[in-house]
Amino acid sequence: MDKDTGDALQDVLVGDSIQKEPEPESDTLLTRSVQSFSGPLPPPAVLMGYEEIVPGAAERIIAMAEGEQKHRHKIETLVSRKTMALRGKGQIFAFLISLSVISAATFFGSIGEGKIALAMVSIDLVALASIFISGKYFSSKEKPKQEEDDLDVQ
């Protein structure tokens, strides 16, 4: 293709006049760089950059991460202990309520009210079984959520 033909291809008919299409000024390449990290500490290169800007910054950042980890472990230990204590109290109260119901049922049975005694014991057993089953159900539903939370922390 000769130069005249190339020029003719770039000519555009606008109304009654012929105008040349503007040539592209330049090709521009735009790039973007993004860095991210997860965890308590930045990568060593970033840590060295902080150290160059503010002497001692790397040590302070590491100390901050260590302090955060100690705090998190302390909170998790406290929550674990409180949860166990609460479960223990719940078991004690459930035992006392069941003992009271069985005592009342024994009393009603001894005075000749067998139907009332049977109803009380049956209701107590159904309530205990349903609490046990629902406790297992909700406990198994919480475990995957806790595992997801643990994965987010790491």
N, C-alpha and C. Protein backbone atom coordinates (compact mmCIF):
# COMPACT_ATOMS: atom_id res chain seq x y z
N MET A 1 0.85 -1.16 0.00
CA MET A 1 0.00 0.00 0.00
C MET A 1 0.90 1.23 0.00
N ASP A 2 0.65 2.12 -0.94
CA ASP A 2 1.49 3.32 -1.04
C ASP A 2 0.98 4.41 -0.11
N LYS A 3 1.75 5.46 0.02
CA LYS A 3 1.44 6.53 0.98
C LYS A 3 0.12 7.21 0.64
N ASP A 4 -0.18 7.42 -0.63
CA ASP A 4 -1.42 8.09 -1.02
C ASP A 4 -2.64 7.25 -0.63
N THR A 5 -2.54 5.96 -0.81
CA THR A 5 -3.66 5.09 -0.45
C THR A 5 -3.87 5.10 1.05
N GLY A 6 -2.77 5.08 1.82
CA GLY A 6 -2.87 5.13 3.28
C GLY A 6 -3.52 6.42 3.73
N ASP A 7 -3.12 7.54 3.09
CA ASP A 7 -3.73 8.82 3.44
C ASP A 7 -5.20 8.84 3.07
N ALA A 8 -5.52 8.21 1.97
CA ALA A 8 -6.92 8.18 1.52
C ALA A 8 -7.78 7.39 2.50
N LEU A 9 -7.21 6.35 3.09
CA LEU A 9 -7.98 5.56 4.06
C LEU A 9 -8.25 6.35 5.34
N GLN A 10 -7.35 7.28 5.66
CA GLN A 10 -7.54 8.06 6.88
C GLN A 10 -8.45 9.26 6.66
N ASP A 11 -8.72 9.58 5.39
CA ASP A 11 -9.61 10.71 5.11
C ASP A 11 -11.04 10.30 5.44
N VAL A 12 -11.78 11.20 6.00
CA VAL A 12 -13.17 10.93 6.37
C VAL A 12 -14.04 12.00 5.74
N LEU A 13 -15.16 11.58 5.16
CA LEU A 13 -16.08 12.52 4.54
C LEU A 13 -17.00 13.06 5.61
N VAL A 14 -16.95 14.37 5.86
CA VAL A 14 -17.81 15.01 6.83
C VAL A 14 -18.56 16.10 6.09
N GLY A 15 -19.90 15.91 5.93
CA GLY A 15 -20.71 16.89 5.19
C GLY A 15 -20.20 16.96 3.76
N ASP A 16 -19.85 18.18 3.31
CA ASP A 16 -19.36 18.38 1.94
C ASP A 16 -17.84 18.47 1.90
N SER A 17 -17.19 18.45 3.06
CA SER A 17 -15.74 18.61 3.04
C SER A 17 -15.06 17.34 3.52
N ILE A 18 -13.85 17.18 3.15
CA ILE A 18 -13.05 16.03 3.57
C ILE A 18 -12.07 16.52 4.62
N GLN A 19 -12.09 15.83 5.76
CA GLN A 19 -11.17 16.19 6.84
C GLN A 19 -10.30 14.98 7.17
N LYS A 20 -9.12 15.24 7.59
CA LYS A 20 -8.22 14.15 8.00
C LYS A 20 -8.51 13.78 9.44
N GLU A 21 -8.50 12.45 9.73
CA GLU A 21 -8.64 12.02 11.12
C GLU A 21 -7.40 12.41 11.89
N PRO A 22 -7.58 12.81 13.11
CA PRO A 22 -6.38 13.15 13.90
C PRO A 22 -5.57 11.88 14.19
N GLU A 23 -4.29 12.00 14.09
CA GLU A 23 -3.38 10.89 14.40
C GLU A 23 -3.34 10.73 15.92
N PRO A 24 -3.24 9.52 16.38
CA PRO A 24 -3.08 9.35 17.84
C PRO A 24 -1.79 10.01 18.29
N GLU A 25 -1.87 10.73 19.40
CA GLU A 25 -0.70 11.49 19.86
C GLU A 25 0.41 10.57 20.34
N SER A 26 0.08 9.64 21.20
CA SER A 26 1.10 8.70 21.66
C SER A 26 0.41 7.53 22.35
N ASP A 27 1.11 6.44 22.42
CA ASP A 27 0.62 5.29 23.17
C ASP A 27 1.10 5.44 24.60
N THR A 28 0.17 5.34 25.53
CA THR A 28 0.52 5.48 26.93
C THR A 28 0.19 4.17 27.65
N LEU A 29 1.11 3.71 28.44
CA LEU A 29 0.91 2.50 29.22
C LEU A 29 0.81 2.92 30.68
N LEU A 30 -0.31 2.58 31.28
CA LEU A 30 -0.55 2.93 32.68
C LEU A 30 -0.46 1.66 33.50
N THR A 31 0.37 1.65 34.51
CA THR A 31 0.50 0.49 35.39
C THR A 31 0.23 0.91 36.82
N ARG A 32 -0.27 -0.05 37.56
CA ARG A 32 -0.56 0.20 38.98
C ARG A 32 -0.01 -0.98 39.76
N SER A 33 0.66 -0.69 40.83
CA SER A 33 1.22 -1.73 41.68
C SER A 33 0.57 -1.64 43.05
N VAL A 34 0.08 -2.77 43.54
CA VAL A 34 -0.57 -2.81 44.84
C VAL A 34 0.07 -3.92 45.65
N GLN A 35 0.43 -3.61 46.88
CA GLN A 35 0.97 -4.61 47.78
C GLN A 35 0.06 -4.72 48.98
N SER A 36 -0.12 -5.94 49.43
CA SER A 36 -0.88 -6.13 50.66
C SER A 36 -0.28 -7.32 51.40
N PHE A 37 -0.52 -7.35 52.68
CA PHE A 37 -0.07 -8.48 53.49
C PHE A 37 -1.06 -8.66 54.61
N SER A 38 -1.07 -9.86 55.15
CA SER A 38 -1.94 -10.09 56.30
C SER A 38 -1.09 -10.72 57.38
N GLY A 39 -1.46 -10.46 58.58
CA GLY A 39 -0.71 -10.98 59.70
C GLY A 39 -0.30 -9.86 60.62
N PRO A 40 0.30 -10.21 61.71
CA PRO A 40 0.66 -9.17 62.67
C PRO A 40 1.87 -8.34 62.26
N LEU A 41 2.71 -8.88 61.39
CA LEU A 41 3.92 -8.16 61.00
C LEU A 41 3.97 -7.95 59.49
N PRO A 42 4.49 -6.80 59.06
CA PRO A 42 4.69 -6.60 57.62
C PRO A 42 5.86 -7.44 57.14
N PRO A 43 5.99 -7.61 55.83
CA PRO A 43 7.14 -8.34 55.30
C PRO A 43 8.46 -7.65 55.67
N PRO A 44 9.55 -8.40 55.68
CA PRO A 44 10.84 -7.81 56.09
C PRO A 44 11.24 -6.58 55.28
N ALA A 45 10.96 -6.56 53.99
CA ALA A 45 11.33 -5.39 53.18
C ALA A 45 10.59 -4.13 53.66
N VAL A 46 9.32 -4.27 53.97
CA VAL A 46 8.55 -3.13 54.47
C VAL A 46 9.05 -2.73 55.86
N LEU A 47 9.35 -3.72 56.67
CA LEU A 47 9.87 -3.46 58.01
C LEU A 47 11.20 -2.68 57.93
N MET A 48 12.05 -3.06 56.98
CA MET A 48 13.32 -2.34 56.78
C MET A 48 13.06 -0.91 56.31
N GLY A 49 12.01 -0.73 55.49
CA GLY A 49 11.66 0.62 55.05
C GLY A 49 11.25 1.50 56.22
N TYR A 50 10.46 0.95 57.15
CA TYR A 50 10.09 1.70 58.35
C TYR A 50 11.34 2.04 59.17
N GLU A 51 12.24 1.08 59.27
CA GLU A 51 13.46 1.28 60.05
C GLU A 51 14.33 2.38 59.44
N GLU A 52 14.36 2.48 58.11
CA GLU A 52 15.14 3.53 57.46
C GLU A 52 14.54 4.91 57.72
N ILE A 53 13.21 4.97 57.76
CA ILE A 53 12.54 6.26 57.97
C ILE A 53 12.64 6.69 59.43
N VAL A 54 12.31 5.75 60.34
CA VAL A 54 12.35 6.04 61.78
C VAL A 54 13.19 4.97 62.45
N PRO A 55 14.39 5.31 62.87
CA PRO A 55 15.23 4.31 63.55
C PRO A 55 14.52 3.77 64.80
N GLY A 56 14.53 2.44 64.93
CA GLY A 56 13.87 1.79 66.07
C GLY A 56 12.42 1.41 65.79
N ALA A 57 11.91 1.80 64.63
CA ALA A 57 10.50 1.52 64.31
C ALA A 57 10.25 0.02 64.16
N ALA A 58 11.18 -0.71 63.57
CA ALA A 58 10.98 -2.15 63.38
C ALA A 58 10.85 -2.85 64.72
N GLU A 59 11.69 -2.50 65.66
CA GLU A 59 11.62 -3.11 67.00
C GLU A 59 10.30 -2.77 67.69
N ARG A 60 9.85 -1.54 67.53
CA ARG A 60 8.58 -1.13 68.13
C ARG A 60 7.41 -1.89 67.50
N ILE A 61 7.46 -2.09 66.18
CA ILE A 61 6.38 -2.81 65.49
C ILE A 61 6.35 -4.27 65.96
N ILE A 62 7.52 -4.89 66.08
CA ILE A 62 7.58 -6.27 66.56
C ILE A 62 7.08 -6.36 68.00
N ALA A 63 7.48 -5.42 68.84
CA ALA A 63 7.01 -5.41 70.24
C ALA A 63 5.49 -5.23 70.30
N MET A 64 4.96 -4.39 69.41
CA MET A 64 3.51 -4.18 69.37
C MET A 64 2.80 -5.48 68.98
N ALA A 65 3.33 -6.21 68.01
CA ALA A 65 2.72 -7.48 67.59
C ALA A 65 2.79 -8.50 68.71
N GLU A 66 3.90 -8.55 69.43
CA GLU A 66 4.03 -9.48 70.56
C GLU A 66 3.03 -9.13 71.66
N GLY A 67 2.89 -7.83 71.95
CA GLY A 67 1.94 -7.39 72.97
C GLY A 67 0.50 -7.74 72.59
N GLU A 68 0.17 -7.57 71.31
CA GLU A 68 -1.17 -7.90 70.83
C GLU A 68 -1.43 -9.40 70.97
N GLN A 69 -0.43 -10.21 70.67
CA GLN A 69 -0.59 -11.66 70.78
C GLN A 69 -0.79 -12.07 72.24
N LYS A 70 -0.03 -11.48 73.15
CA LYS A 70 -0.20 -11.78 74.59
C LYS A 70 -1.60 -11.38 75.05
N HIS A 71 -2.06 -10.23 74.60
CA HIS A 71 -3.40 -9.75 74.97
C HIS A 71 -4.47 -10.71 74.45
N ARG A 72 -4.34 -11.12 73.20
CA ARG A 72 -5.32 -12.03 72.60
C ARG A 72 -5.36 -13.37 73.35
N HIS A 73 -4.18 -13.88 73.70
CA HIS A 73 -4.14 -15.14 74.45
C HIS A 73 -4.77 -14.98 75.83
N LYS A 74 -4.53 -13.86 76.47
CA LYS A 74 -5.12 -13.60 77.79
C LYS A 74 -6.65 -13.56 77.70
N ILE A 75 -7.18 -12.87 76.69
CA ILE A 75 -8.63 -12.77 76.50
C ILE A 75 -9.23 -14.15 76.20
N GLU A 76 -8.57 -14.91 75.32
CA GLU A 76 -9.08 -16.25 74.99
C GLU A 76 -9.10 -17.15 76.21
N THR A 77 -8.07 -17.08 77.05
CA THR A 77 -8.03 -17.87 78.28
C THR A 77 -9.14 -17.45 79.22
N LEU A 78 -9.36 -16.16 79.36
CA LEU A 78 -10.42 -15.66 80.24
C LEU A 78 -11.80 -16.10 79.75
N VAL A 79 -12.05 -15.98 78.45
CA VAL A 79 -13.33 -16.40 77.88
C VAL A 79 -13.54 -17.90 78.08
N SER A 80 -12.50 -18.67 77.88
CA SER A 80 -12.59 -20.12 78.05
C SER A 80 -12.93 -20.48 79.49
N ARG A 81 -12.26 -19.85 80.43
CA ARG A 81 -12.53 -20.12 81.86
C ARG A 81 -13.96 -19.72 82.24
N LYS A 82 -14.40 -18.56 81.79
CA LYS A 82 -15.75 -18.10 82.12
C LYS A 82 -16.81 -19.02 81.50
N THR A 83 -16.57 -19.48 80.27
CA THR A 83 -17.51 -20.39 79.62
C THR A 83 -17.62 -21.69 80.38
N MET A 84 -16.50 -22.22 80.80
CA MET A 84 -16.51 -23.48 81.56
C MET A 84 -17.23 -23.29 82.91
N ALA A 85 -17.00 -22.16 83.58
CA ALA A 85 -17.66 -21.89 84.85
C ALA A 85 -19.17 -21.77 84.66
N LEU A 86 -19.58 -21.10 83.58
CA LEU A 86 -21.01 -20.94 83.30
C LEU A 86 -21.67 -22.29 83.01
N ARG A 87 -20.98 -23.12 82.24
CA ARG A 87 -21.52 -24.46 81.96
C ARG A 87 -21.64 -25.28 83.23
N GLY A 88 -20.65 -25.16 84.10
CA GLY A 88 -20.69 -25.89 85.38
C GLY A 88 -21.87 -25.45 86.23
N LYS A 89 -22.11 -24.15 86.30
CA LYS A 89 -23.27 -23.64 87.06
C LYS A 89 -24.58 -24.13 86.45
N GLY A 90 -24.65 -24.14 85.13
CA GLY A 90 -25.86 -24.63 84.46
C GLY A 90 -26.13 -26.10 84.79
N GLN A 91 -25.08 -26.89 84.85
CA GLN A 91 -25.26 -28.31 85.19
C GLN A 91 -25.71 -28.47 86.63
N ILE A 92 -25.17 -27.67 87.52
CA ILE A 92 -25.58 -27.74 88.93
C ILE A 92 -27.05 -27.37 89.07
N PHE A 93 -27.48 -26.27 88.42
CA PHE A 93 -28.88 -25.86 88.50
C PHE A 93 -29.81 -26.90 87.88
N ALA A 94 -29.40 -27.49 86.77
CA ALA A 94 -30.22 -28.54 86.14
C ALA A 94 -30.35 -29.73 87.07
N PHE A 95 -29.26 -30.10 87.75
CA PHE A 95 -29.33 -31.22 88.70
C PHE A 95 -30.28 -30.90 89.85
N LEU A 96 -30.18 -29.67 90.39
CA LEU A 96 -31.05 -29.30 91.52
C LEU A 96 -32.53 -29.28 91.10
N ILE A 97 -32.81 -28.77 89.91
CA ILE A 97 -34.21 -28.74 89.44
C ILE A 97 -34.72 -30.16 89.24
N SER A 98 -33.90 -31.02 88.63
CA SER A 98 -34.32 -32.41 88.41
C SER A 98 -34.54 -33.12 89.75
N LEU A 99 -33.66 -32.89 90.71
CA LEU A 99 -33.79 -33.50 92.03
C LEU A 99 -35.08 -33.03 92.71
N SER A 100 -35.41 -31.76 92.55
CA SER A 100 -36.65 -31.22 93.13
C SER A 100 -37.87 -31.86 92.48
N VAL A 101 -37.86 -32.01 91.16
CA VAL A 101 -39.00 -32.61 90.45
C VAL A 101 -39.15 -34.07 90.85
N ILE A 102 -38.05 -34.80 90.94
CA ILE A 102 -38.12 -36.21 91.33
C ILE A 102 -38.61 -36.33 92.77
N SER A 103 -38.17 -35.43 93.65
CA SER A 103 -38.64 -35.44 95.04
C SER A 103 -40.14 -35.18 95.10
N ALA A 104 -40.61 -34.19 94.33
CA ALA A 104 -42.05 -33.89 94.31
C ALA A 104 -42.82 -35.06 93.72
N ALA A 105 -42.29 -35.69 92.68
CA ALA A 105 -42.97 -36.84 92.08
C ALA A 105 -43.03 -38.00 93.07
N THR A 106 -41.96 -38.20 93.84
CA THR A 106 -41.96 -39.25 94.86
C THR A 106 -43.02 -38.96 95.92
N PHE A 107 -43.12 -37.70 96.30
CA PHE A 107 -44.14 -37.32 97.29
C PHE A 107 -45.55 -37.62 96.75
N PHE A 108 -45.82 -37.18 95.50
CA PHE A 108 -47.15 -37.41 94.93
C PHE A 108 -47.42 -38.91 94.75
N GLY A 109 -46.39 -39.66 94.41
CA GLY A 109 -46.56 -41.11 94.28
C GLY A 109 -46.88 -41.76 95.61
N SER A 110 -46.27 -41.26 96.70
CA SER A 110 -46.49 -41.85 98.03
C SER A 110 -47.88 -41.54 98.58
N ILE A 111 -48.52 -40.47 98.11
CA ILE A 111 -49.87 -40.15 98.61
C ILE A 111 -50.95 -40.67 97.66
N GLY A 112 -50.55 -41.47 96.69
CA GLY A 112 -51.53 -42.10 95.82
C GLY A 112 -51.83 -41.36 94.53
N GLU A 113 -51.10 -40.34 94.21
CA GLU A 113 -51.31 -39.59 92.97
C GLU A 113 -50.27 -40.02 91.92
N GLY A 114 -50.37 -41.24 91.45
CA GLY A 114 -49.41 -41.82 90.52
C GLY A 114 -49.39 -41.12 89.17
N LYS A 115 -50.56 -40.68 88.70
CA LYS A 115 -50.61 -40.01 87.39
C LYS A 115 -49.84 -38.69 87.42
N ILE A 116 -50.00 -37.95 88.51
CA ILE A 116 -49.28 -36.68 88.64
C ILE A 116 -47.77 -36.94 88.72
N ALA A 117 -47.40 -37.97 89.51
CA ALA A 117 -45.98 -38.30 89.65
C ALA A 117 -45.39 -38.72 88.31
N LEU A 118 -46.11 -39.54 87.55
CA LEU A 118 -45.65 -39.98 86.24
C LEU A 118 -45.52 -38.80 85.28
N ALA A 119 -46.49 -37.90 85.31
CA ALA A 119 -46.45 -36.72 84.45
C ALA A 119 -45.24 -35.84 84.78
N MET A 120 -44.97 -35.64 86.05
CA MET A 120 -43.84 -34.79 86.46
C MET A 120 -42.51 -35.40 86.01
N VAL A 121 -42.34 -36.69 86.23
CA VAL A 121 -41.09 -37.35 85.84
C VAL A 121 -40.94 -37.35 84.32
N SER A 122 -42.05 -37.59 83.61
CA SER A 122 -42.00 -37.61 82.14
C SER A 122 -41.62 -36.24 81.58
N ILE A 123 -42.24 -35.21 82.10
CA ILE A 123 -41.93 -33.85 81.64
C ILE A 123 -40.47 -33.51 81.93
N ASP A 124 -39.99 -33.91 83.12
CA ASP A 124 -38.60 -33.65 83.49
C ASP A 124 -37.64 -34.37 82.53
N LEU A 125 -37.92 -35.63 82.21
CA LEU A 125 -37.06 -36.38 81.30
C LEU A 125 -37.07 -35.79 79.88
N VAL A 126 -38.24 -35.42 79.41
CA VAL A 126 -38.34 -34.82 78.07
C VAL A 126 -37.58 -33.50 78.02
N ALA A 127 -37.72 -32.69 79.07
CA ALA A 127 -37.01 -31.41 79.11
C ALA A 127 -35.50 -31.61 79.13
N LEU A 128 -35.03 -32.54 79.94
CA LEU A 128 -33.58 -32.80 80.01
C LEU A 128 -33.05 -33.33 78.68
N ALA A 129 -33.80 -34.25 78.06
CA ALA A 129 -33.36 -34.81 76.78
C ALA A 129 -33.33 -33.73 75.70
N SER A 130 -34.34 -32.88 75.66
CA SER A 130 -34.37 -31.83 74.62
C SER A 130 -33.24 -30.82 74.82
N ILE A 131 -32.95 -30.49 76.07
CA ILE A 131 -31.84 -29.57 76.34
C ILE A 131 -30.51 -30.21 75.93
N PHE A 132 -30.35 -31.50 76.24
CA PHE A 132 -29.13 -32.20 75.88
C PHE A 132 -28.97 -32.24 74.36
N ILE A 133 -30.03 -32.60 73.65
CA ILE A 133 -29.97 -32.71 72.19
C ILE A 133 -29.75 -31.34 71.55
N SER A 134 -30.48 -30.32 72.01
CA SER A 134 -30.30 -28.98 71.42
C SER A 134 -28.92 -28.42 71.75
N GLY A 135 -28.40 -28.74 72.92
CA GLY A 135 -27.05 -28.30 73.27
C GLY A 135 -26.02 -28.91 72.34
N LYS A 136 -26.16 -30.17 72.03
CA LYS A 136 -25.24 -30.83 71.08
C LYS A 136 -25.39 -30.23 69.69
N TYR A 137 -26.63 -29.94 69.28
CA TYR A 137 -26.89 -29.38 67.95
C TYR A 137 -26.25 -28.01 67.80
N PHE A 138 -26.48 -27.12 68.77
CA PHE A 138 -25.93 -25.76 68.68
C PHE A 138 -24.41 -25.76 68.87
N SER A 139 -23.91 -26.69 69.68
CA SER A 139 -22.47 -26.79 69.87
C SER A 139 -21.78 -27.20 68.57
N SER A 140 -22.38 -28.13 67.82
CA SER A 140 -21.79 -28.55 66.56
C SER A 140 -21.91 -27.47 65.49
N LYS A 141 -22.92 -26.60 65.57
CA LYS A 141 -23.06 -25.50 64.61
C LYS A 141 -22.04 -24.40 64.89
N GLU A 142 -21.63 -24.21 66.14
CA GLU A 142 -20.68 -23.15 66.49
C GLU A 142 -19.26 -23.52 66.12
N LYS A 143 -18.91 -24.80 66.07
CA LYS A 143 -17.54 -25.20 65.80
C LYS A 143 -17.03 -24.72 64.45
N PRO A 144 -17.80 -24.89 63.34
CA PRO A 144 -17.28 -24.36 62.07
C PRO A 144 -17.07 -22.86 62.10
N LYS A 145 -17.96 -22.11 62.79
CA LYS A 145 -17.80 -20.66 62.89
C LYS A 145 -16.52 -20.33 63.64
N GLN A 146 -16.24 -21.05 64.72
CA GLN A 146 -15.02 -20.80 65.47
C GLN A 146 -13.80 -21.11 64.62
N GLU A 147 -13.85 -22.18 63.82
CA GLU A 147 -12.73 -22.50 62.95
C GLU A 147 -12.51 -21.40 61.93
N GLU A 148 -13.60 -20.81 61.39
CA GLU A 148 -13.47 -19.70 60.44
C GLU A 148 -12.82 -18.50 61.14
N ASP A 149 -13.24 -18.22 62.38
CA ASP A 149 -12.66 -17.11 63.12
C ASP A 149 -11.18 -17.35 63.36
N ASP A 150 -10.81 -18.60 63.68
CA ASP A 150 -9.41 -18.92 63.90
C ASP A 150 -8.60 -18.72 62.62
N LEU A 151 -9.18 -19.07 61.48
CA LEU A 151 -8.49 -18.88 60.21
C LEU A 151 -8.30 -17.39 59.90
N ASP A 152 -9.28 -16.58 60.27
CA ASP A 152 -9.16 -15.14 60.04
C ASP A 152 -8.06 -14.53 60.89
N VAL A 153 -7.87 -15.07 62.09
CA VAL A 153 -6.88 -14.51 63.00
C VAL A 153 -5.48 -14.77 62.48
N GLN A 154 -5.25 -15.95 61.89
CA GLN A 154 -3.91 -16.32 61.44
C GLN A 154 -3.60 -15.58 60.23
